[in-house]
Amino acid sequence: MSVIKIPLIIITSILLLTGCVTAPEPLTKKNSELTQGMVQMNLEVGKTSKAEVIETFGAPNITTRDGDGNEVWTYQRQAQVNQSSSNSGFIFVIIAGKSSSASGFESSSKMMTLIIKFDNEDIVTDFKSRESNF
């Protein structure tokens, strides 16, 4: 092999191998998974542990204790949904033409709140969730 072919083969191999590496999932992705469906699928009273809650939803926004000294975690996520649409048409008549167009932009916000209570053994004892759209 010639001296030029060896570096070319090495560089090509490195580029091909780095294309197969997947990037780690960002932590903010966990925060976006707080939905009513995820809550119902992943939380079970008397069974789900704190570690499983953190694995599913990430760190809570607020941690407090209730009157009995048990830990209470609160999650709050807000999202803004923007949607735009346009509708246009064109009618051609031999002598005259007509064109029409309509467009719109809609924006709304969504707030999800989840409150989870744990017992002394770090198992879920109760949870409540609420989703508001405005």
C-alpha atoms as a PDB file:
ATOM      1  CA  MET A   1       0.000   0.000   0.000  1.00  0.00           C
ATOM      2  CA  SER A   2       1.153   3.468  -0.633  1.00  0.00           C
ATOM      3  CA  VAL A   3       1.784   6.031   2.065  1.00  0.00           C
ATOM      4  CA  ILE A   4      -1.226   8.116   0.973  1.00  0.00           C
ATOM      5  CA  LYS A   5      -3.732   5.234   1.127  1.00  0.00           C
ATOM      6  CA  ILE A   6      -3.106   4.360   4.811  1.00  0.00           C
ATOM      7  CA  PRO A   7      -4.086   7.800   6.240  1.00  0.00           C
ATOM      8  CA  LEU A   8      -7.039   7.893   3.855  1.00  0.00           C
ATOM      9  CA  ILE A   9      -8.270   4.502   5.121  1.00  0.00           C
ATOM     10  CA  ILE A  10      -7.808   5.577   8.766  1.00  0.00           C
ATOM     11  CA  ILE A  11      -9.697   8.854   8.276  1.00  0.00           C
ATOM     12  CA  THR A  12     -12.511   7.111   6.411  1.00  0.00           C
ATOM     13  CA  SER A  13     -12.799   4.472   9.165  1.00  0.00           C
ATOM     14  CA  ILE A  14     -12.961   7.122  11.893  1.00  0.00           C
ATOM     15  CA  LEU A  15     -15.675   9.059  10.048  1.00  0.00           C
ATOM     16  CA  LEU A  16     -17.742   5.916   9.518  1.00  0.00           C
ATOM     17  CA  LEU A  17     -17.431   4.850  13.162  1.00  0.00           C
ATOM     18  CA  THR A  18     -18.328   8.265  14.591  1.00  0.00           C
ATOM     19  CA  GLY A  19     -21.484   8.262  12.467  1.00  0.00           C
ATOM     20  CA  CYS A  20     -22.684   5.221  14.457  1.00  0.00           C
ATOM     21  CA  VAL A  21     -22.372   6.912  17.866  1.00  0.00           C
ATOM     22  CA  THR A  22     -25.648   8.215  19.300  1.00  0.00           C
ATOM     23  CA  ALA A  23     -25.732  11.373  21.355  1.00  0.00           C
ATOM     24  CA  PRO A  24     -26.906  11.077  24.984  1.00  0.00           C
ATOM     25  CA  GLU A  25     -30.476  12.131  25.687  1.00  0.00           C
ATOM     26  CA  PRO A  26     -30.632  15.649  27.153  1.00  0.00           C
ATOM     27  CA  LEU A  27     -32.113  16.028  30.634  1.00  0.00           C
ATOM     28  CA  THR A  28     -34.725  18.463  29.344  1.00  0.00           C
ATOM     29  CA  LYS A  29     -36.320  15.600  27.397  1.00  0.00           C
ATOM     30  CA  LYS A  30     -37.341  13.994  30.709  1.00  0.00           C
ATOM     31  CA  ASN A  31     -39.020  17.235  31.720  1.00  0.00           C
ATOM     32  CA  SER A  32     -41.127  17.223  28.578  1.00  0.00           C
ATOM     33  CA  GLU A  33     -42.506  13.736  29.345  1.00  0.00           C
ATOM     34  CA  LEU A  34     -44.855  15.023  32.041  1.00  0.00           C
ATOM     35  CA  THR A  35     -48.251  14.279  30.500  1.00  0.00           C
ATOM     36  CA  GLN A  36     -51.487  12.823  31.851  1.00  0.00           C
ATOM     37  CA  GLY A  37     -50.772   9.606  29.974  1.00  0.00           C
ATOM     38  CA  MET A  38     -47.258   9.263  31.417  1.00  0.00           C
ATOM     39  CA  VAL A  39     -48.616   9.884  34.931  1.00  0.00           C
ATOM     40  CA  GLN A  40     -51.318   7.201  34.582  1.00  0.00           C
ATOM     41  CA  MET A  41     -48.920   4.674  33.022  1.00  0.00           C
ATOM     42  CA  ASN A  42     -46.017   5.119  35.445  1.00  0.00           C
ATOM     43  CA  LEU A  43     -47.410   5.948  38.898  1.00  0.00           C
ATOM     44  CA  GLU A  44     -49.015   3.254  41.032  1.00  0.00           C
ATOM     45  CA  VAL A  45     -49.929   3.876  44.665  1.00  0.00           C
ATOM     46  CA  GLY A  46     -48.139   1.471  47.018  1.00  0.00           C
ATOM     47  CA  LYS A  47     -45.741   0.289  44.331  1.00  0.00           C
ATOM     48  CA  THR A  48     -43.783   3.072  42.569  1.00  0.00           C
ATOM     49  CA  SER A  49     -40.559   4.199  44.289  1.00  0.00           C
ATOM     50  CA  LYS A  50     -38.846   7.608  44.359  1.00  0.00           C
ATOM     51  CA  ALA A  51     -36.083   6.246  42.123  1.00  0.00           C
ATOM     52  CA  GLU A  52     -38.636   5.205  39.501  1.00  0.00           C
ATOM     53  CA  VAL A  53     -40.323   8.619  39.677  1.00  0.00           C
ATOM     54  CA  ILE A  54     -36.989  10.391  39.110  1.00  0.00           C
ATOM     55  CA  GLU A  55     -36.146   8.016  36.255  1.00  0.00           C
ATOM     56  CA  THR A  56     -39.473   8.776  34.567  1.00  0.00           C
ATOM     57  CA  PHE A  57     -40.043  12.479  35.275  1.00  0.00           C
ATOM     58  CA  GLY A  58     -36.664  13.848  36.357  1.00  0.00           C
ATOM     59  CA  ALA A  59     -36.105  16.002  39.442  1.00  0.00           C
ATOM     60  CA  PRO A  60     -39.141  17.736  40.998  1.00  0.00           C
ATOM     61  CA  ASN A  61     -39.559  21.512  41.048  1.00  0.00           C
ATOM     62  CA  ILE A  62     -40.431  21.596  44.758  1.00  0.00           C
ATOM     63  CA  THR A  63     -39.918  19.130  47.627  1.00  0.00           C
ATOM     64  CA  THR A  64     -41.740  19.658  50.935  1.00  0.00           C
ATOM     65  CA  ARG A  65     -43.087  17.630  53.874  1.00  0.00           C
ATOM     66  CA  ASP A  66     -46.723  17.220  54.850  1.00  0.00           C
ATOM     67  CA  GLY A  67     -48.170  17.378  58.389  1.00  0.00           C
ATOM     68  CA  ASP A  68     -47.155  13.749  59.061  1.00  0.00           C
ATOM     69  CA  GLY A  69     -43.558  14.380  57.998  1.00  0.00           C
ATOM     70  CA  ASN A  70     -43.839  12.493  54.697  1.00  0.00           C
ATOM     71  CA  GLU A  71     -42.126  13.893  51.619  1.00  0.00           C
ATOM     72  CA  VAL A  72     -44.212  15.607  48.913  1.00  0.00           C
ATOM     73  CA  TRP A  73     -42.852  16.319  45.434  1.00  0.00           C
ATOM     74  CA  THR A  74     -44.357  18.859  43.071  1.00  0.00           C
ATOM     75  CA  TYR A  75     -43.739  18.990  39.334  1.00  0.00           C
ATOM     76  CA  GLN A  76     -44.874  21.883  37.167  1.00  0.00           C
ATOM     77  CA  ARG A  77     -44.333  22.120  33.433  1.00  0.00           C
ATOM     78  CA  GLN A  78     -45.528  24.786  31.060  1.00  0.00           C
ATOM     79  CA  ALA A  79     -45.587  24.605  27.294  1.00  0.00           C
ATOM     80  CA  GLN A  80     -46.609  27.063  24.637  1.00  0.00           C
ATOM     81  CA  VAL A  81     -48.230  25.715  21.498  1.00  0.00           C
ATOM     82  CA  ASN A  82     -48.053  27.835  18.360  1.00  0.00           C
ATOM     83  CA  GLN A  83     -49.962  26.898  15.257  1.00  0.00           C
ATOM     84  CA  SER A  84     -50.232  28.697  11.984  1.00  0.00           C
ATOM     85  CA  SER A  85     -52.284  27.892   8.947  1.00  0.00           C
ATOM     86  CA  SER A  86     -52.869  29.368   5.584  1.00  0.00           C
ATOM     87  CA  ASN A  87     -55.412  28.659   2.938  1.00  0.00           C
ATOM     88  CA  SER A  88     -55.164  30.092  -0.516  1.00  0.00           C
ATOM     89  CA  GLY A  89     -56.873  29.460  -3.785  1.00  0.00           C
ATOM     90  CA  PHE A  90     -56.893  30.820  -7.281  1.00  0.00           C
ATOM     91  CA  ILE A  91     -59.737  30.801  -9.779  1.00  0.00           C
ATOM     92  CA  PHE A  92     -58.970  31.676 -13.386  1.00  0.00           C
ATOM     93  CA  VAL A  93     -61.652  32.886 -15.746  1.00  0.00           C
ATOM     94  CA  ILE A  94     -60.818  33.674 -19.380  1.00  0.00           C
ATOM     95  CA  ILE A  95     -61.249  37.441 -19.017  1.00  0.00           C
ATOM     96  CA  ALA A  96     -60.910  38.055 -15.292  1.00  0.00           C
ATOM     97  CA  GLY A  97     -59.031  36.326 -12.497  1.00  0.00           C
ATOM     98  CA  LYS A  98     -59.797  36.001  -8.846  1.00  0.00           C
ATOM     99  CA  SER A  99     -57.541  35.044  -6.025  1.00  0.00           C
ATOM    100  CA  SER A 100     -58.243  34.591  -2.358  1.00  0.00           C
ATOM    101  CA  SER A 101     -56.094  33.831   0.601  1.00  0.00           C
ATOM    102  CA  ALA A 102     -56.527  33.443   4.331  1.00  0.00           C
ATOM    103  CA  SER A 103     -54.015  32.865   7.039  1.00  0.00           C
ATOM    104  CA  GLY A 104     -54.147  32.550  10.792  1.00  0.00           C
ATOM    105  CA  PHE A 105     -51.926  32.176  13.799  1.00  0.00           C
ATOM    106  CA  GLU A 106     -53.031  30.580  17.041  1.00  0.00           C
ATOM    107  CA  SER A 107     -51.105  30.440  20.288  1.00  0.00           C
ATOM    108  CA  SER A 108     -52.065  28.713  23.515  1.00  0.00           C
ATOM    109  CA  SER A 109     -50.349  27.713  26.740  1.00  0.00           C
ATOM    110  CA  LYS A 110     -50.600  24.491  28.669  1.00  0.00           C
ATOM    111  CA  MET A 111     -49.699  23.941  32.333  1.00  0.00           C
ATOM    112  CA  MET A 112     -49.266  20.505  33.916  1.00  0.00           C
ATOM    113  CA  THR A 113     -49.020  20.116  37.704  1.00  0.00           C
ATOM    114  CA  LEU A 114     -48.260  16.828  39.447  1.00  0.00           C
ATOM    115  CA  ILE A 115     -48.127  16.351  43.229  1.00  0.00           C
ATOM    116  CA  ILE A 116     -46.778  13.057  44.584  1.00  0.00           C
ATOM    117  CA  LYS A 117     -46.756  11.960  48.255  1.00  0.00           C
ATOM    118  CA  PHE A 118     -44.314   9.316  49.553  1.00  0.00           C
ATOM    119  CA  ASP A 119     -44.298   7.209  52.721  1.00  0.00           C
ATOM    120  CA  ASN A 120     -41.311   6.619  55.047  1.00  0.00           C
ATOM    121  CA  GLU A 121     -40.056   3.865  52.749  1.00  0.00           C
ATOM    122  CA  ASP A 122     -40.029   6.176  49.680  1.00  0.00           C
ATOM    123  CA  ILE A 123     -43.040   4.544  48.005  1.00  0.00           C
ATOM    124  CA  VAL A 124     -45.869   6.569  46.404  1.00  0.00           C
ATOM    125  CA  THR A 125     -48.875   6.838  48.742  1.00  0.00           C
ATOM    126  CA  ASP A 126     -50.939   9.325  46.696  1.00  0.00           C
ATOM    127  CA  PHE A 127     -50.708  11.532  43.625  1.00  0.00           C
ATOM    128  CA  LYS A 128     -52.817  14.181  41.935  1.00  0.00           C
ATOM    129  CA  SER A 129     -52.332  15.738  38.520  1.00  0.00           C
ATOM    130  CA  ARG A 130     -53.986  18.600  36.712  1.00  0.00           C
ATOM    131  CA  GLU A 131     -53.642  20.003  33.223  1.00  0.00           C
ATOM    132  CA  SER A 132     -54.791  23.519  32.350  1.00  0.00           C
ATOM    133  CA  ASN A 133     -55.060  25.049  28.896  1.00  0.00           C
ATOM    134  CA  PHE A 134     -55.234  28.799  28.423  1.00  0.00           C
END
